[in-house]
C-alpha atoms as a PDB file:
ATOM      1  CA  GLN A   1     163.239-200.602 -84.096  1.00  0.00           C
ATOM      2  CA  ARG A   2     159.733-199.325 -84.716  1.00  0.00           C
ATOM      3  CA  TYR A   3     158.725-199.672 -80.886  1.00  0.00           C
ATOM      4  CA  GLY A   4     161.531-197.194 -80.025  1.00  0.00           C
ATOM      5  CA  THR A   5     159.467-194.518 -81.572  1.00  0.00           C
ATOM      6  CA  MET A   6     156.375-195.555 -79.625  1.00  0.00           C
ATOM      7  CA  THR A   7     157.900-195.923 -75.983  1.00  0.00           C
ATOM      8  CA  GLY A   8     158.214-192.897 -73.759  1.00  0.00           C
ATOM      9  CA  ARG A   9     158.875-189.801 -75.619  1.00  0.00           C
ATOM     10  CA  GLY A  10     160.142-191.914 -78.685  1.00  0.00           C
ATOM     11  CA  ARG A  11     163.297-192.086 -80.569  1.00  0.00           C
ATOM     12  CA  ASP A  12     163.969-192.864 -84.247  1.00  0.00           C
ATOM     13  CA  ASN A  13     167.064-194.570 -85.297  1.00  0.00           C
ATOM     14  CA  THR A  14     169.131-191.287 -85.704  1.00  0.00           C
ATOM     15  CA  MET A  15     168.471-190.589 -81.841  1.00  0.00           C
ATOM     16  CA  TYR A  16     169.605-193.900 -80.470  1.00  0.00           C
ATOM     17  CA  ASN A  17     172.145-193.575 -77.347  1.00  0.00           C
ATOM     18  CA  GLN A  18     171.471-189.969 -77.071  1.00  0.00           C
ATOM     19  CA  ASP A  19     169.140-187.772 -74.752  1.00  0.00           C
ATOM     20  CA  ILE A  20     166.873-186.613 -77.492  1.00  0.00           C
ATOM     21  CA  PHE A  21     163.486-187.434 -78.318  1.00  0.00           C
ATOM     22  CA  ILE A  22     160.816-187.188 -81.043  1.00  0.00           C
ATOM     23  CA  ASP A  23     158.855-184.850 -78.861  1.00  0.00           C
ATOM     24  CA  ASP A  24     157.786-184.320 -75.179  1.00  0.00           C
ATOM     25  CA  ILE A  25     154.534-186.518 -75.248  1.00  0.00           C
ATOM     26  CA  PHE A  26     154.977-189.667 -73.223  1.00  0.00           C
ATOM     27  CA  THR A  27     153.275-192.634 -75.074  1.00  0.00           C
ATOM     28  CA  LEU A  28     153.663-196.214 -74.024  1.00  0.00           C
ATOM     29  CA  LYS A  29     155.691-197.347 -70.975  1.00  0.00           C
ATOM     30  CA  GLY A  30     156.396-200.750 -72.395  1.00  0.00           C
ATOM     31  CA  GLY A  31     155.988-203.415 -74.900  1.00  0.00           C
ATOM     32  CA  ILE A  32     157.372-206.725 -76.087  1.00  0.00           C
ATOM     33  CA  VAL A  33     161.196-206.735 -76.418  1.00  0.00           C
ATOM     34  CA  TYR A  34     161.636-209.523 -79.011  1.00  0.00           C
ATOM     35  CA  PRO A  35     165.430-209.781 -78.583  1.00  0.00           C
ATOM     36  CA  TYR A  36     164.606-211.155 -74.972  1.00  0.00           C
ATOM     37  CA  TYR A  37     162.233-213.476 -76.523  1.00  0.00           C
ATOM     38  CA  TRP A  38     164.564-214.891 -79.069  1.00  0.00           C
ATOM     39  CA  TYR A  39     167.419-215.464 -76.472  1.00  0.00           C
ATOM     40  CA  ILE A  40     165.025-217.532 -74.409  1.00  0.00           C
ATOM     41  CA  PHE A  41     163.535-219.205 -77.310  1.00  0.00           C
ATOM     42  CA  THR A  42     167.060-220.249 -78.569  1.00  0.00           C
ATOM     43  CA  ALA A  43     168.184-221.211 -75.099  1.00  0.00           C
ATOM     44  CA  MET A  44     165.132-223.588 -74.716  1.00  0.00           C
ATOM     45  CA  VAL A  45     164.359-224.927 -78.077  1.00  0.00           C
ATOM     46  CA  TYR A  46     168.007-225.561 -79.211  1.00  0.00           C
ATOM     47  CA  LYS A  47     169.241-226.515 -75.686  1.00  0.00           C
ATOM     48  CA  LEU A  48     171.829-223.747 -75.901  1.00  0.00           C
ATOM     49  CA  PRO A  49     171.722-222.324 -72.210  1.00  0.00           C
ATOM     50  CA  GLU A  50     174.607-219.914 -73.022  1.00  0.00           C
ATOM     51  CA  TYR A  51     172.254-217.827 -74.995  1.00  0.00           C
ATOM     52  CA  VAL A  52     170.460-216.833 -71.700  1.00  0.00           C
ATOM     53  CA  ASP A  53     173.746-214.864 -71.143  1.00  0.00           C
ATOM     54  CA  GLY A  54     172.339-212.733 -73.837  1.00  0.00           C
ATOM     55  CA  LEU A  55     169.660-211.023 -71.941  1.00  0.00           C
ATOM     56  CA  PRO A  56     172.063-208.577 -69.993  1.00  0.00           C
ATOM     57  CA  LEU A  57     173.344-207.645 -73.417  1.00  0.00           C
ATOM     58  CA  ALA A  58     169.917-207.277 -74.956  1.00  0.00           C
ATOM     59  CA  TYR A  59     169.146-204.813 -71.913  1.00  0.00           C
ATOM     60  CA  VAL A  60     171.932-202.579 -72.455  1.00  0.00           C
ATOM     61  CA  GLU A  61     171.296-202.566 -76.206  1.00  0.00           C
ATOM     62  CA  GLU A  62     167.615-201.871 -76.007  1.00  0.00           C
ATOM     63  CA  ASN A  63     168.000-198.964 -73.542  1.00  0.00           C
ATOM     64  CA  LYS A  64     169.970-197.287 -76.271  1.00  0.00           C
ATOM     65  CA  ILE A  65     166.717-197.299 -78.257  1.00  0.00           C
ATOM     66  CA  ILE A  66     163.847-196.792 -75.916  1.00  0.00           C
ATOM     67  CA  ASP A  67     162.974-193.966 -73.574  1.00  0.00           C
ATOM     68  CA  THR A  68     162.037-195.485 -70.033  1.00  0.00           C
ATOM     69  CA  LEU A  69     161.511-192.264 -68.057  1.00  0.00           C
ATOM     70  CA  ASP A  70     158.135-192.342 -66.185  1.00  0.00           C
ATOM     71  CA  PRO A  71     157.103-188.702 -65.957  1.00  0.00           C
ATOM     72  CA  SER A  72     154.906-189.172 -62.880  1.00  0.00           C
ATOM     73  CA  THR A  73     157.589-190.800 -60.763  1.00  0.00           C
ATOM     74  CA  GLN A  74     160.655-189.285 -62.676  1.00  0.00           C
ATOM     75  CA  ARG A  75     162.123-192.677 -62.603  1.00  0.00           C
ATOM     76  CA  HIS A  76     163.367-195.057 -65.363  1.00  0.00           C
ATOM     77  CA  GLU A  77     160.841-197.776 -65.526  1.00  0.00           C
ATOM     78  CA  TYR A  78     159.516-200.253 -68.189  1.00  0.00           C
ATOM     79  CA  ALA A  79     156.570-202.611 -68.176  1.00  0.00           C
ATOM     80  CA  MET A  80     157.555-205.407 -70.366  1.00  0.00           C
ATOM     81  CA  TRP A  81     154.770-207.777 -71.681  1.00  0.00           C
ATOM     82  CA  THR A  82     155.884-211.239 -71.149  1.00  0.00           C
ATOM     83  CA  PHE A  83     155.804-214.282 -73.388  1.00  0.00           C
ATOM     84  CA  CYS A  84     153.573-216.212 -70.986  1.00  0.00           C
ATOM     85  CA  ASN A  85     150.151-214.545 -71.859  1.00  0.00           C
ATOM     86  CA  ASN A  86     150.054-214.507 -75.637  1.00  0.00           C
ATOM     87  CA  HIS A  87     151.091-216.666 -78.763  1.00  0.00           C
ATOM     88  CA  ASP A  88     154.520-216.829 -77.728  1.00  0.00           C
ATOM     89  CA  ASN A  89     153.694-219.018 -74.872  1.00  0.00           C
ATOM     90  CA  TRP A  90     152.253-221.635 -77.196  1.00  0.00           C
ATOM     91  CA  ARG A  91     155.115-221.394 -79.570  1.00  0.00           C
ATOM     92  CA  LEU A  92     157.647-221.938 -76.555  1.00  0.00           C
ATOM     93  CA  GLN A  93     155.666-224.814 -75.354  1.00  0.00           C
ATOM     94  CA  SER A  94     155.145-226.580 -78.728  1.00  0.00           C
ATOM     95  CA  MET A  95     158.795-226.638 -79.517  1.00  0.00           C
ATOM     96  CA  THR A  96     159.991-227.434 -76.026  1.00  0.00           C
ATOM     97  CA  GLY A  97     157.502-229.286 -73.732  1.00  0.00           C
ATOM     98  CA  PHE A  98     155.438-228.864 -70.630  1.00  0.00           C
ATOM     99  CA  PRO A  99     158.313-228.615 -68.113  1.00  0.00           C
ATOM    100  CA  GLU A 100     159.202-225.405 -69.654  1.00  0.00           C
ATOM    101  CA  PHE A 101     155.847-223.987 -69.103  1.00  0.00           C
ATOM    102  CA  HIS A 102     156.691-223.761 -65.506  1.00  0.00           C
ATOM    103  CA  MET A 103     158.716-220.868 -66.208  1.00  0.00           C
ATOM    104  CA  CYS A 104     155.640-218.817 -66.980  1.00  0.00           C
ATOM    105  CA  LEU A 105     154.266-219.806 -63.466  1.00  0.00           C
ATOM    106  CA  ALA A 106     157.139-218.017 -61.577  1.00  0.00           C
END
């Protein structure tokens, strides 16, 4: 996952699930986690609500990849971009319908 190298202090695929990093320079505090998007997309577009159950699994797996420590607060934080403010919003609505858009208004 390329974004793992750009989040926090960065990890490459040899560093996953370990307390080691590329360097001590903190970079991005977040990004778009596409596994979340695909679980939501699959649940809504294909009418398979059980895929929403994948969100906790994605959270656990993604935290093995990304560094979420905020050096200014010493807390683990992550600012995820949502799918409601970009092309993914259009993609979800075009394949589902207007009622699903209300998810973005919450």
